Structures are given as structure tokens and as C-alpha cells.
Amino acid sequence: MADGISYQRARAFRRRLTPPEARLWVRLKGDRLGGLGFRKQHPIGPYILDFYCAAAKLAVEVDGASHGTDERAAHDKRRTAWLGGKGIRVVRIAARAVKDELDGVLEFIRREAEARMRG
């Protein structure tokens, strides 16, 4: 469960999505992706997930240029391992792919979620 600080941070993050996150959210919100429900900037434990489908236990992370550093890659690896221990699969999508290939990104997310729900 997330702590109070994570909830406060998540609330602030929801108000200032990056342009790629905002673009993806328009297509995910309101169960628009095959009836799958997603939450934006969802806190779990000490982490805030860009997008989360609880039914599939699937986290979708939109990675911009800052994720290319060694330090950030190490953090992402620890985070993914921690979430994996909670049964959550993390998929990482390049911000550039959201900009240039949105339909393909959405299809990938839908397939991943559906596969998780089938078991």
C-alpha cells in the first residue's frame, strides 16, 4: 500500500503529465482500450506508476530521455523488481513511440493486459 507522501506526490503528478503521458492518457482513460480500466499516476508502495491496470496488474511507464542515464536505469531496474515481487508486470514505452507510433503502442498495451488477464 502507498504511504501518505506517495498519495500527495501522485496527486501533484496527475496535474502535470508530460506531453507523451497526456497523449497516451487521452486514449487510455474511460476504459477506451478494449474496456480495460487504467489509472494515471497511481501510487503503489513507495512508487508512482504512470499508468496502472489493476485487473491485469500491469504498469505502463512512459520513458523520456532522462531514463537513458546509468543512475536512472539502475533505479528503474530496482523499481521493476520491487513491483514484480508484488505480481505487477511493468512495460516501458519510449516517449518517442507514444509520439510517433501511438496506435502500435496502444495495441501492444492491450495485448499485454489481455495476456496477463488470461493468466
PDB file of N, CA and C in Angstrom:
ATOM      1  N   MET A   1       0.839  -1.190   0.000  1.00  0.00           N
ATOM      2  CA  MET A   1       0.000   0.000   0.000  1.00  0.00           C
ATOM      3  C   MET A   1       0.877   1.244   0.000  1.00  0.00           C
ATOM      4  N   ALA A   2       0.414   2.261  -0.620  1.00  0.00           N
ATOM      5  CA  ALA A   2       1.182   3.504  -0.694  1.00  0.00           C
ATOM      6  C   ALA A   2       1.074   4.277   0.613  1.00  0.00           C
ATOM      7  N   ASP A   3       2.107   5.048   0.896  1.00  0.00           N
ATOM      8  CA  ASP A   3       2.066   5.889   2.089  1.00  0.00           C
ATOM      9  C   ASP A   3       1.450   7.246   1.744  1.00  0.00           C
ATOM     10  N   GLY A   4       1.209   8.081   2.769  1.00  0.00           N
ATOM     11  CA  GLY A   4       0.584   9.380   2.557  1.00  0.00           C
ATOM     12  C   GLY A   4       1.378  10.288   1.646  1.00  0.00           C
ATOM     13  N   ILE A   5       2.690  10.221   1.739  1.00  0.00           N
ATOM     14  CA  ILE A   5       3.534  11.061   0.889  1.00  0.00           C
ATOM     15  C   ILE A   5       3.365  10.670  -0.579  1.00  0.00           C
ATOM     16  N   SER A   6       3.308   9.361  -0.851  1.00  0.00           N
ATOM     17  CA  SER A   6       3.118   8.904  -2.235  1.00  0.00           C
ATOM     18  C   SER A   6       1.788   9.394  -2.795  1.00  0.00           C
ATOM     19  N   TYR A   7       0.730   9.378  -1.981  1.00  0.00           N
ATOM     20  CA  TYR A   7      -0.564   9.872  -2.442  1.00  0.00           C
ATOM     21  C   TYR A   7      -0.499  11.355  -2.776  1.00  0.00           C
ATOM     22  N   GLN A   8       0.183  12.136  -1.948  1.00  0.00           N
ATOM     23  CA  GLN A   8       0.311  13.575  -2.208  1.00  0.00           C
ATOM     24  C   GLN A   8       1.103  13.822  -3.495  1.00  0.00           C
ATOM     25  N   ARG A   9       2.203  13.096  -3.652  1.00  0.00           N
ATOM     26  CA  ARG A   9       3.014  13.250  -4.870  1.00  0.00           C
ATOM     27  C   ARG A   9       2.221  12.842  -6.102  1.00  0.00           C
ATOM     28  N   ALA A  10       1.476  11.732  -6.000  1.00  0.00           N
ATOM     29  CA  ALA A  10       0.689  11.248  -7.138  1.00  0.00           C
ATOM     30  C   ALA A  10      -0.349  12.292  -7.541  1.00  0.00           C
ATOM     31  N   ARG A  11      -0.997  12.896  -6.567  1.00  0.00           N
ATOM     32  CA  ARG A  11      -1.994  13.926  -6.867  1.00  0.00           C
ATOM     33  C   ARG A  11      -1.352  15.077  -7.647  1.00  0.00           C
ATOM     34  N   ALA A  12      -0.171  15.490  -7.216  1.00  0.00           N
ATOM     35  CA  ALA A  12       0.538  16.575  -7.918  1.00  0.00           C
ATOM     36  C   ALA A  12       0.942  16.138  -9.326  1.00  0.00           C
ATOM     37  N   PHE A  13       1.427  14.920  -9.470  1.00  0.00           N
ATOM     38  CA  PHE A  13       1.847  14.415 -10.783  1.00  0.00           C
ATOM     39  C   PHE A  13       0.671  14.351 -11.763  1.00  0.00           C
ATOM     40  N   ARG A  14      -0.531  14.018 -11.255  1.00  0.00           N
ATOM     41  CA  ARG A  14      -1.700  13.919 -12.131  1.00  0.00           C
ATOM     42  C   ARG A  14      -2.006  15.251 -12.802  1.00  0.00           C
ATOM     43  N   ARG A  15      -1.679  16.335 -12.122  1.00  0.00           N
ATOM     44  CA  ARG A  15      -1.963  17.665 -12.668  1.00  0.00           C
ATOM     45  C   ARG A  15      -0.921  18.119 -13.684  1.00  0.00           C
ATOM     46  N   ARG A  16       0.215  17.438 -13.742  1.00  0.00           N
ATOM     47  CA  ARG A  16       1.257  17.880 -14.671  1.00  0.00           C
ATOM     48  C   ARG A  16       1.889  16.711 -15.432  1.00  0.00           C
ATOM     49  N   LEU A  17       1.061  16.054 -16.214  1.00  0.00           N
ATOM     50  CA  LEU A  17       1.554  14.978 -17.066  1.00  0.00           C
ATOM     51  C   LEU A  17       2.490  15.557 -18.122  1.00  0.00           C
ATOM     52  N   THR A  18       3.463  14.763 -18.530  1.00  0.00           N
ATOM     53  CA  THR A  18       4.306  15.165 -19.653  1.00  0.00           C
ATOM     54  C   THR A  18       3.455  15.098 -20.923  1.00  0.00           C
ATOM     55  N   PRO A  19       3.850  15.778 -21.989  1.00  0.00           N
ATOM     56  CA  PRO A  19       3.059  15.686 -23.231  1.00  0.00           C
ATOM     57  C   PRO A  19       2.832  14.250 -23.722  1.00  0.00           C
ATOM     58  N   PRO A  20       3.848  13.359 -23.721  1.00  0.00           N
ATOM     59  CA  PRO A  20       3.570  11.980 -24.145  1.00  0.00           C
ATOM     60  C   PRO A  20       2.587  11.259 -23.194  1.00  0.00           C
ATOM     61  N   GLU A  21       2.721  11.499 -21.881  1.00  0.00           N
ATOM     62  CA  GLU A  21       1.789  10.880 -20.935  1.00  0.00           C
ATOM     63  C   GLU A  21       0.365  11.376 -21.189  1.00  0.00           C
ATOM     64  N   ALA A  22       0.216  12.685 -21.415  1.00  0.00           N
ATOM     65  CA  ALA A  22      -1.112  13.253 -21.674  1.00  0.00           C
ATOM     66  C   ALA A  22      -1.708  12.666 -22.951  1.00  0.00           C
ATOM     67  N   ARG A  23      -0.888  12.509 -23.961  1.00  0.00           N
ATOM     68  CA  ARG A  23      -1.358  11.950 -25.240  1.00  0.00           C
ATOM     69  C   ARG A  23      -1.838  10.509 -25.059  1.00  0.00           C
ATOM     70  N   LEU A  24      -1.082   9.723 -24.309  1.00  0.00           N
ATOM     71  CA  LEU A  24      -1.464   8.336 -24.061  1.00  0.00           C
ATOM     72  C   LEU A  24      -2.706   8.271 -23.167  1.00  0.00           C
ATOM     73  N   TRP A  25      -2.784   9.129 -22.167  1.00  0.00           N
ATOM     74  CA  TRP A  25      -3.908   9.105 -21.230  1.00  0.00           C
ATOM     75  C   TRP A  25      -5.237   9.352 -21.947  1.00  0.00           C
ATOM     76  N   VAL A  26      -5.251  10.235 -22.936  1.00  0.00           N
ATOM     77  CA  VAL A  26      -6.478  10.507 -23.693  1.00  0.00           C
ATOM     78  C   VAL A  26      -7.036   9.212 -24.281  1.00  0.00           C
ATOM     79  N   ARG A  27      -6.170   8.311 -24.666  1.00  0.00           N
ATOM     80  CA  ARG A  27      -6.594   7.054 -25.308  1.00  0.00           C
ATOM     81  C   ARG A  27      -6.820   5.919 -24.307  1.00  0.00           C
ATOM     82  N   LEU A  28      -6.323   6.055 -23.069  1.00  0.00           N
ATOM     83  CA  LEU A  28      -6.491   5.005 -22.068  1.00  0.00           C
ATOM     84  C   LEU A  28      -7.669   5.257 -21.126  1.00  0.00           C
ATOM     85  N   LYS A  29      -7.954   6.518 -20.842  1.00  0.00           N
ATOM     86  CA  LYS A  29      -8.954   6.836 -19.809  1.00  0.00           C
ATOM     87  C   LYS A  29     -10.350   6.407 -20.239  1.00  0.00           C
ATOM     88  N   GLY A  30     -11.188   6.211 -19.245  1.00  0.00           N
ATOM     89  CA  GLY A  30     -12.573   5.849 -19.526  1.00  0.00           C
ATOM     90  C   GLY A  30     -12.748   4.490 -20.165  1.00  0.00           C
ATOM     91  N   ASP A  31     -11.849   3.564 -19.861  1.00  0.00           N
ATOM     92  CA  ASP A  31     -11.945   2.193 -20.386  1.00  0.00           C
ATOM     93  C   ASP A  31     -11.972   2.158 -21.911  1.00  0.00           C
ATOM     94  N   ARG A  32     -11.272   3.107 -22.548  1.00  0.00           N
ATOM     95  CA  ARG A  32     -11.293   3.221 -24.009  1.00  0.00           C
ATOM     96  C   ARG A  32     -10.463   2.168 -24.723  1.00  0.00           C
ATOM     97  N   LEU A  33      -9.606   1.494 -24.000  1.00  0.00           N
ATOM     98  CA  LEU A  33      -8.740   0.494 -24.640  1.00  0.00           C
ATOM     99  C   LEU A  33      -9.326  -0.889 -24.390  1.00  0.00           C
ATOM    100  N   GLY A  34     -10.263  -1.285 -25.224  1.00  0.00           N
ATOM    101  CA  GLY A  34     -10.859  -2.618 -25.109  1.00  0.00           C
ATOM    102  C   GLY A  34     -11.555  -2.867 -23.783  1.00  0.00           C
ATOM    103  N   GLY A  35     -12.070  -1.810 -23.159  1.00  0.00           N
ATOM    104  CA  GLY A  35     -12.759  -1.966 -21.879  1.00  0.00           C
ATOM    105  C   GLY A  35     -11.836  -2.087 -20.683  1.00  0.00           C
ATOM    106  N   LEU A  36     -10.531  -1.947 -20.903  1.00  0.00           N
ATOM    107  CA  LEU A  36      -9.570  -2.047 -19.804  1.00  0.00           C
ATOM    108  C   LEU A  36      -9.537  -0.730 -19.027  1.00  0.00           C
ATOM    109  N   GLY A  37      -9.614  -0.831 -17.724  1.00  0.00           N
ATOM    110  CA  GLY A  37      -9.571   0.361 -16.884  1.00  0.00           C
ATOM    111  C   GLY A  37      -8.147   0.684 -16.463  1.00  0.00           C
ATOM    112  N   PHE A  38      -7.721   1.896 -16.717  1.00  0.00           N
ATOM    113  CA  PHE A  38      -6.390   2.361 -16.316  1.00  0.00           C
ATOM    114  C   PHE A  38      -6.525   3.546 -15.377  1.00  0.00           C
ATOM    115  N   ARG A  39      -5.589   3.645 -14.461  1.00  0.00           N
ATOM    116  CA  ARG A  39      -5.464   4.800 -13.574  1.00  0.00           C
ATOM    117  C   ARG A  39      -4.187   5.516 -13.941  1.00  0.00           C
ATOM    118  N   LYS A  40      -4.173   6.828 -13.832  1.00  0.00           N
ATOM    119  CA  LYS A  40      -2.943   7.579 -14.121  1.00  0.00           C
ATOM    120  C   LYS A  40      -2.276   7.975 -12.817  1.00  0.00           C
ATOM    121  N   GLN A  41      -0.935   7.973 -12.848  1.00  0.00           N
ATOM    122  CA  GLN A  41      -0.122   8.375 -11.700  1.00  0.00           C
ATOM    123  C   GLN A  41      -0.624   7.699 -10.429  1.00  0.00           C
ATOM    124  N   HIS A  42      -0.623   6.378 -10.465  1.00  0.00           N
ATOM    125  CA  HIS A  42      -1.179   5.558  -9.383  1.00  0.00           C
ATOM    126  C   HIS A  42      -0.085   5.142  -8.401  1.00  0.00           C
ATOM    127  N   PRO A  43      -0.242   5.487  -7.110  1.00  0.00           N
ATOM    128  CA  PRO A  43       0.782   5.114  -6.123  1.00  0.00           C
ATOM    129  C   PRO A  43       0.646   3.658  -5.678  1.00  0.00           C
ATOM    130  N   ILE A  44       1.788   2.972  -5.649  1.00  0.00           N
ATOM    131  CA  ILE A  44       1.871   1.622  -5.073  1.00  0.00           C
ATOM    132  C   ILE A  44       3.168   1.585  -4.284  1.00  0.00           C
ATOM    133  N   GLY A  45       3.055   1.359  -2.986  1.00  0.00           N
ATOM    134  CA  GLY A  45       4.232   1.385  -2.127  1.00  0.00           C
ATOM    135  C   GLY A  45       4.925   2.723  -2.260  1.00  0.00           C
ATOM    136  N   PRO A  46       6.232   2.714  -2.389  1.00  0.00           N
ATOM    137  CA  PRO A  46       6.966   3.983  -2.496  1.00  0.00           C
ATOM    138  C   PRO A  46       6.998   4.545  -3.919  1.00  0.00           C
ATOM    139  N   TYR A  47       6.323   3.896  -4.859  1.00  0.00           N
ATOM    140  CA  TYR A  47       6.416   4.280  -6.264  1.00  0.00           C
ATOM    141  C   TYR A  47       5.098   4.832  -6.796  1.00  0.00           C
ATOM    142  N   ILE A  48       5.222   5.645  -7.833  1.00  0.00           N
ATOM    143  CA  ILE A  48       4.050   6.164  -8.534  1.00  0.00           C
ATOM    144  C   ILE A  48       4.152   5.689  -9.979  1.00  0.00           C
ATOM    145  N   LEU A  49       3.158   4.922 -10.395  1.00  0.00           N
ATOM    146  CA  LEU A  49       3.145   4.339 -11.730  1.00  0.00           C
ATOM    147  C   LEU A  49       2.492   5.316 -12.699  1.00  0.00           C
ATOM    148  N   ASP A  50       3.076   5.481 -13.880  1.00  0.00           N
ATOM    149  CA  ASP A  50       2.486   6.386 -14.864  1.00  0.00           C
ATOM    150  C   ASP A  50       1.041   5.985 -15.139  1.00  0.00           C
ATOM    151  N   PHE A  51       0.835   4.712 -15.492  1.00  0.00           N
ATOM    152  CA  PHE A  51      -0.497   4.183 -15.750  1.00  0.00           C
ATOM    153  C   PHE A  51      -0.568   2.775 -15.178  1.00  0.00           C
ATOM    154  N   TYR A  52      -1.732   2.425 -14.626  1.00  0.00           N
ATOM    155  CA  TYR A  52      -1.865   1.121 -13.987  1.00  0.00           C
ATOM    156  C   TYR A  52      -3.228   0.528 -14.292  1.00  0.00           C
ATOM    157  N   CYS A  53      -3.228  -0.726 -14.754  1.00  0.00           N
ATOM    158  CA  CYS A  53      -4.448  -1.503 -14.964  1.00  0.00           C
ATOM    159  C   CYS A  53      -4.492  -2.550 -13.858  1.00  0.00           C
ATOM    160  N   ALA A  54      -5.360  -2.330 -12.876  1.00  0.00           N
ATOM    161  CA  ALA A  54      -5.428  -3.228 -11.722  1.00  0.00           C
ATOM    162  C   ALA A  54      -5.885  -4.633 -12.115  1.00  0.00           C
ATOM    163  N   ALA A  55      -6.833  -4.725 -13.038  1.00  0.00           N
ATOM    164  CA  ALA A  55      -7.355  -6.038 -13.432  1.00  0.00           C
ATOM    165  C   ALA A  55      -6.259  -6.929 -14.003  1.00  0.00           C
ATOM    166  N   ALA A  56      -5.306  -6.327 -14.718  1.00  0.00           N
ATOM    167  CA  ALA A  56      -4.212  -7.079 -15.335  1.00  0.00           C
ATOM    168  C   ALA A  56      -2.926  -7.021 -14.514  1.00  0.00           C
ATOM    169  N   LYS A  57      -2.932  -6.218 -13.445  1.00  0.00           N
ATOM    170  CA  LYS A  57      -1.710  -5.974 -12.665  1.00  0.00           C
ATOM    171  C   LYS A  57      -0.571  -5.585 -13.614  1.00  0.00           C
ATOM    172  N   LEU A  58      -0.875  -4.573 -14.447  1.00  0.00           N
ATOM    173  CA  LEU A  58       0.050  -4.112 -15.471  1.00  0.00           C
ATOM    174  C   LEU A  58       0.336  -2.624 -15.277  1.00  0.00           C
ATOM    175  N   ALA A  59       1.616  -2.303 -15.177  1.00  0.00           N
ATOM    176  CA  ALA A  59       2.058  -0.909 -15.095  1.00  0.00           C
ATOM    177  C   ALA A  59       2.646  -0.523 -16.443  1.00  0.00           C
ATOM    178  N   VAL A  60       2.271   0.653 -16.925  1.00  0.00           N
ATOM    179  CA  VAL A  60       2.797   1.184 -18.177  1.00  0.00           C
ATOM    180  C   VAL A  60       3.579   2.442 -17.837  1.00  0.00           C
ATOM    181  N   GLU A  61       4.861   2.422 -18.148  1.00  0.00           N
ATOM    182  CA  GLU A  61       5.747   3.550 -17.872  1.00  0.00           C
ATOM    183  C   GLU A  61       6.175   4.184 -19.183  1.00  0.00           C
ATOM    184  N   VAL A  62       6.017   5.494 -19.272  1.00  0.00           N
ATOM    185  CA  VAL A  62       6.442   6.248 -20.450  1.00  0.00           C
ATOM    186  C   VAL A  62       7.802   6.848 -20.122  1.00  0.00           C
ATOM    187  N   ASP A  63       8.808   6.399 -20.833  1.00  0.00           N
ATOM    188  CA  ASP A  63      10.189   6.792 -20.545  1.00  0.00           C
ATOM    189  C   ASP A  63      10.695   7.831 -21.536  1.00  0.00           C
ATOM    190  N   GLY A  64      11.081   8.981 -21.000  1.00  0.00           N
ATOM    191  CA  GLY A  64      11.703  10.026 -21.804  1.00  0.00           C
ATOM    192  C   GLY A  64      13.215   9.897 -21.751  1.00  0.00           C
ATOM    193  N   ALA A  65      13.892  10.936 -22.185  1.00  0.00           N
ATOM    194  CA  ALA A  65      15.354  10.932 -22.278  1.00  0.00           C
ATOM    195  C   ALA A  65      16.032  10.713 -20.932  1.00  0.00           C
ATOM    196  N   SER A  66      15.417  11.159 -19.847  1.00  0.00           N
ATOM    197  CA  SER A  66      16.059  11.035 -18.527  1.00  0.00           C
ATOM    198  C   SER A  66      16.274   9.579 -18.117  1.00  0.00           C
ATOM    199  N   HIS A  67      15.557   8.668 -18.730  1.00  0.00           N
ATOM    200  CA  HIS A  67      15.701   7.256 -18.372  1.00  0.00           C
ATOM    201  C   HIS A  67      16.922   6.612 -19.025  1.00  0.00           C
ATOM    202  N   GLY A  68      17.646   7.359 -19.830  1.00  0.00           N
ATOM    203  CA  GLY A  68      18.828   6.834 -20.505  1.00  0.00           C
ATOM    204  C   GLY A  68      20.105   6.887 -19.683  1.00  0.00           C
ATOM    205  N   THR A  69      20.065   7.500 -18.508  1.00  0.00           N
ATOM    206  CA  THR A  69      21.271   7.566 -17.683  1.00  0.00           C
ATOM    207  C   THR A  69      21.468   6.268 -16.916  1.00  0.00           C
ATOM    208  N   ASP A  70      22.716   5.971 -16.564  1.00  0.00           N
ATOM    209  CA  ASP A  70      23.002   4.754 -15.794  1.00  0.00           C
ATOM    210  C   ASP A  70      22.292   4.773 -14.446  1.00  0.00           C
ATOM    211  N   GLU A  71      22.297   5.921 -13.800  1.00  0.00           N
ATOM    212  CA  GLU A  71      21.661   6.040 -12.485  1.00  0.00           C
ATOM    213  C   GLU A  71      20.158   5.769 -12.585  1.00  0.00           C
ATOM    214  N   ARG A  72      19.529   6.368 -13.582  1.00  0.00           N
ATOM    215  CA  ARG A  72      18.082   6.181 -13.748  1.00  0.00           C
ATOM    216  C   ARG A  72      17.756   4.750 -14.152  1.00  0.00           C
ATOM    217  N   ALA A  73      18.592   4.150 -14.998  1.00  0.00           N
ATOM    218  CA  ALA A  73      18.382   2.755 -15.404  1.00  0.00           C
ATOM    219  C   ALA A  73      18.464   1.823 -14.200  1.00  0.00           C
ATOM    220  N   ALA A  74      19.399   2.086 -13.296  1.00  0.00           N
ATOM    221  CA  ALA A  74      19.528   1.271 -12.079  1.00  0.00           C
ATOM    222  C   ALA A  74      18.289   1.432 -11.195  1.00  0.00           C
ATOM    223  N   HIS A  75      17.818   2.661 -11.068  1.00  0.00           N
ATOM    224  CA  HIS A  75      16.601   2.914 -10.284  1.00  0.00           C
ATOM    225  C   HIS A  75      15.412   2.187 -10.898  1.00  0.00           C
ATOM    226  N   ASP A  76      15.264   2.285 -12.224  1.00  0.00           N
ATOM    227  CA  ASP A  76      14.161   1.616 -12.909  1.00  0.00           C
ATOM    228  C   ASP A  76      14.224   0.103 -12.715  1.00  0.00           C
ATOM    229  N   LYS A  77      15.422  -0.444 -12.729  1.00  0.00           N
ATOM    230  CA  LYS A  77      15.591  -1.892 -12.529  1.00  0.00           C
ATOM    231  C   LYS A  77      15.146  -2.300 -11.119  1.00  0.00           C
ATOM    232  N   ARG A  78      15.561  -1.535 -10.101  1.00  0.00           N
ATOM    233  CA  ARG A  78      15.134  -1.819  -8.717  1.00  0.00           C
ATOM    234  C   ARG A  78      13.618  -1.702  -8.586  1.00  0.00           C
ATOM    235  N   ARG A  79      13.076  -0.687  -9.182  1.00  0.00           N
ATOM    236  CA  ARG A  79      11.638  -0.429  -9.126  1.00  0.00           C
ATOM    237  C   ARG A  79      10.863  -1.573  -9.787  1.00  0.00           C
ATOM    238  N   THR A  80      11.302  -1.993 -10.969  1.00  0.00           N
ATOM    239  CA  THR A  80      10.651  -3.081 -11.683  1.00  0.00           C
ATOM    240  C   THR A  80      10.717  -4.372 -10.872  1.00  0.00           C
ATOM    241  N   ALA A  81      11.854  -4.630 -10.243  1.00  0.00           N
ATOM    242  CA  ALA A  81      11.992  -5.835  -9.414  1.00  0.00           C
ATOM    243  C   ALA A  81      11.041  -5.784  -8.218  1.00  0.00           C
ATOM    244  N   TRP A  82      10.957  -4.641  -7.572  1.00  0.00           N
ATOM    245  CA  TRP A  82      10.074  -4.489  -6.410  1.00  0.00           C
ATOM    246  C   TRP A  82       8.626  -4.712  -6.819  1.00  0.00           C
ATOM    247  N   LEU A  83       8.217  -4.091  -7.917  1.00  0.00           N
ATOM    248  CA  LEU A  83       6.843  -4.247  -8.400  1.00  0.00           C
ATOM    249  C   LEU A  83       6.582  -5.692  -8.830  1.00  0.00           C
ATOM    250  N   GLY A  84       7.572  -6.314  -9.465  1.00  0.00           N
ATOM    251  CA  GLY A  84       7.441  -7.713  -9.853  1.00  0.00           C
ATOM    252  C   GLY A  84       7.196  -8.607  -8.647  1.00  0.00           C
ATOM    253  N   GLY A  85       7.833  -8.280  -7.538  1.00  0.00           N
ATOM    254  CA  GLY A  85       7.606  -9.024  -6.293  1.00  0.00           C
ATOM    255  C   GLY A  85       6.177  -8.910  -5.797  1.00  0.00           C
ATOM    256  N   LYS A  86       5.482  -7.885  -6.228  1.00  0.00           N
ATOM    257  CA  LYS A  86       4.067  -7.673  -5.880  1.00  0.00           C
ATOM    258  C   LYS A  86       3.141  -8.230  -6.961  1.00  0.00           C
ATOM    259  N   GLY A  87       3.736  -8.914  -7.962  1.00  0.00           N
ATOM    260  CA  GLY A  87       2.944  -9.507  -9.028  1.00  0.00           C
ATOM    261  C   GLY A  87       2.565  -8.545 -10.135  1.00  0.00           C
ATOM    262  N   ILE A  88       3.225  -7.389 -10.182  1.00  0.00           N
ATOM    263  CA  ILE A  88       2.907  -6.378 -11.188  1.00  0.00           C
ATOM    264  C   ILE A  88       3.944  -6.432 -12.307  1.00  0.00           C
ATOM    265  N   ARG A  89       3.461  -6.545 -13.529  1.00  0.00           N
ATOM    266  CA  ARG A  89       4.349  -6.503 -14.700  1.00  0.00           C
ATOM    267  C   ARG A  89       4.492  -5.053 -15.141  1.00  0.00           C
ATOM    268  N   VAL A  90       5.711  -4.664 -15.423  1.00  0.00           N
ATOM    269  CA  VAL A  90       5.999  -3.312 -15.883  1.00  0.00           C
ATOM    270  C   VAL A  90       6.402  -3.366 -17.350  1.00  0.00           C
ATOM    271  N   VAL A  91       5.737  -2.567 -18.171  1.00  0.00           N
ATOM    272  CA  VAL A  91       6.155  -2.405 -19.557  1.00  0.00           C
ATOM    273  C   VAL A  91       6.592  -0.957 -19.732  1.00  0.00           C
ATOM    274  N   ARG A  92       7.683  -0.782 -20.433  1.00  0.00           N
ATOM    275  CA  ARG A  92       8.253   0.545 -20.651  1.00  0.00           C
ATOM    276  C   ARG A  92       8.062   0.924 -22.116  1.00  0.00           C
ATOM    277  N   ILE A  93       7.550   2.113 -22.294  1.00  0.00           N
ATOM    278  CA  ILE A  93       7.283   2.635 -23.631  1.00  0.00           C
ATOM    279  C   ILE A  93       8.096   3.912 -23.792  1.00  0.00           C
ATOM    280  N   ALA A  94       8.845   4.014 -24.865  1.00  0.00           N
ATOM    281  CA  ALA A  94       9.607   5.236 -25.129  1.00  0.00           C
ATOM    282  C   ALA A  94       8.637   6.372 -25.448  1.00  0.00           C
ATOM    283  N   ALA A  95       8.911   7.538 -24.871  1.00  0.00           N
ATOM    284  CA  ALA A  95       8.073   8.708 -25.132  1.00  0.00           C
ATOM    285  C   ALA A  95       7.974   8.971 -26.633  1.00  0.00           C
ATOM    286  N   ARG A  96       9.051   8.743 -27.323  1.00  0.00           N
ATOM    287  CA  ARG A  96       9.085   8.953 -28.777  1.00  0.00           C
ATOM    288  C   ARG A  96       8.091   8.035 -29.483  1.00  0.00           C
ATOM    289  N   ALA A  97       7.951   6.800 -28.996  1.00  0.00           N
ATOM    290  CA  ALA A  97       6.999   5.861 -29.601  1.00  0.00           C
ATOM    291  C   ALA A  97       5.560   6.344 -29.395  1.00  0.00           C
ATOM    292  N   VAL A  98       5.279   6.930 -28.239  1.00  0.00           N
ATOM    293  CA  VAL A  98       3.942   7.477 -27.998  1.00  0.00           C
ATOM    294  C   VAL A  98       3.665   8.586 -29.005  1.00  0.00           C
ATOM    295  N   LYS A  99       4.671   9.385 -29.284  1.00  0.00           N
ATOM    296  CA  LYS A  99       4.514  10.490 -30.234  1.00  0.00           C
ATOM    297  C   LYS A  99       4.360   9.989 -31.671  1.00  0.00           C
ATOM    298  N   ASP A 100       5.196   9.029 -32.057  1.00  0.00           N
ATOM    299  CA  ASP A 100       5.275   8.621 -33.467  1.00  0.00           C
ATOM    300  C   ASP A 100       4.445   7.392 -33.841  1.00  0.00           C
ATOM    301  N   GLU A 101       4.154   6.539 -32.873  1.00  0.00           N
ATOM    302  CA  GLU A 101       3.515   5.256 -33.180  1.00  0.00           C
ATOM    303  C   GLU A 101       2.416   4.924 -32.176  1.00  0.00           C
ATOM    304  N   LEU A 102       1.538   5.870 -31.889  1.00  0.00           N
ATOM    305  CA  LEU A 102       0.551   5.703 -30.825  1.00  0.00           C
ATOM    306  C   LEU A 102      -0.343   4.481 -31.029  1.00  0.00           C
ATOM    307  N   ASP A 103      -0.827   4.249 -32.231  1.00  0.00           N
ATOM    308  CA  ASP A 103      -1.706   3.089 -32.441  1.00  0.00           C
ATOM    309  C   ASP A 103      -0.985   1.782 -32.139  1.00  0.00           C
ATOM    310  N   GLY A 104       0.269   1.660 -32.541  1.00  0.00           N
ATOM    311  CA  GLY A 104       1.050   0.465 -32.239  1.00  0.00           C
ATOM    312  C   GLY A 104       1.292   0.313 -30.742  1.00  0.00           C
ATOM    313  N   VAL A 105       1.557   1.409 -30.058  1.00  0.00           N
ATOM    314  CA  VAL A 105       1.749   1.390 -28.604  1.00  0.00           C
ATOM    315  C   VAL A 105       0.480   0.908 -27.925  1.00  0.00           C
ATOM    316  N   LEU A 106      -0.661   1.426 -28.345  1.00  0.00           N
ATOM    317  CA  LEU A 106      -1.933   1.022 -27.738  1.00  0.00           C
ATOM    318  C   LEU A 106      -2.221  -0.457 -27.971  1.00  0.00           C
ATOM    319  N   GLU A 107      -1.928  -0.941 -29.161  1.00  0.00           N
ATOM    320  CA  GLU A 107      -2.129  -2.359 -29.455  1.00  0.00           C
ATOM    321  C   GLU A 107      -1.224  -3.225 -28.577  1.00  0.00           C
ATOM    322  N   PHE A 108       0.032  -2.808 -28.404  1.00  0.00           N
ATOM    323  CA  PHE A 108       0.965  -3.531 -27.540  1.00  0.00           C
ATOM    324  C   PHE A 108       0.443  -3.578 -26.101  1.00  0.00           C
ATOM    325  N   ILE A 109      -0.004  -2.454 -25.580  1.00  0.00           N
ATOM    326  CA  ILE A 109      -0.525  -2.396 -24.210  1.00  0.00           C
ATOM    327  C   ILE A 109      -1.753  -3.293 -24.070  1.00  0.00           C
ATOM    328  N   ARG A 110      -2.660  -3.230 -25.033  1.00  0.00           N
ATOM    329  CA  ARG A 110      -3.860  -4.068 -24.989  1.00  0.00           C
ATOM    330  C   ARG A 110      -3.513  -5.548 -24.969  1.00  0.00           C
ATOM    331  N   ARG A 111      -2.585  -5.956 -25.842  1.00  0.00           N
ATOM    332  CA  ARG A 111      -2.178  -7.374 -25.879  1.00  0.00           C
ATOM    333  C   ARG A 111      -1.545  -7.799 -24.563  1.00  0.00           C
ATOM    334  N   GLU A 112      -0.670  -6.957 -24.010  1.00  0.00           N
ATOM    335  CA  GLU A 112      -0.019  -7.279 -22.736  1.00  0.00           C
ATOM    336  C   GLU A 112      -1.051  -7.436 -21.621  1.00  0.00           C
ATOM    337  N   ALA A 113      -1.999  -6.515 -21.543  1.00  0.00           N
ATOM    338  CA  ALA A 113      -3.028  -6.581 -20.497  1.00  0.00           C
ATOM    339  C   ALA A 113      -3.889  -7.816 -20.663  1.00  0.00           C
ATOM    340  N   GLU A 114      -4.317  -8.080 -21.866  1.00  0.00           N
ATOM    341  CA  GLU A 114      -5.171  -9.250 -22.089  1.00  0.00           C
ATOM    342  C   GLU A 114      -4.444 -10.544 -21.785  1.00  0.00           C
ATOM    343  N   ALA A 115      -3.179 -10.628 -22.141  1.00  0.00           N
ATOM    344  CA  ALA A 115      -2.383 -11.831 -21.836  1.00  0.00           C
ATOM    345  C   ALA A 115      -2.276 -12.022 -20.327  1.00  0.00           C
ATOM    346  N   ARG A 116      -2.082 -10.947 -19.593  1.00  0.00           N
ATOM    347  CA  ARG A 116      -1.997 -11.030 -18.120  1.00  0.00           C
ATOM    348  C   ARG A 116      -3.317 -11.496 -17.520  1.00  0.00           C
ATOM    349  N   MET A 117      -4.418 -11.064 -18.095  1.00  0.00           N
ATOM    350  CA  MET A 117      -5.721 -11.419 -17.536  1.00  0.00           C
ATOM    351  C   MET A 117      -6.106 -12.866 -17.849  1.00  0.00           C
ATOM    352  N   ARG A 118      -5.557 -13.397 -18.950  1.00  0.00           N
ATOM    353  CA  ARG A 118      -5.797 -14.813 -19.276  1.00  0.00           C
ATOM    354  C   ARG A 118      -4.995 -15.731 -18.380  1.00  0.00           C
ATOM    355  N   GLY A 119      -3.950 -15.186 -17.796  1.00  0.00           N
ATOM    356  CA  GLY A 119      -3.132 -15.989 -16.896  1.00  0.00           C
ATOM    357  C   GLY A 119      -1.934 -16.469 -17.537  1.00  0.00           C
TER     358      GLY A 119
END
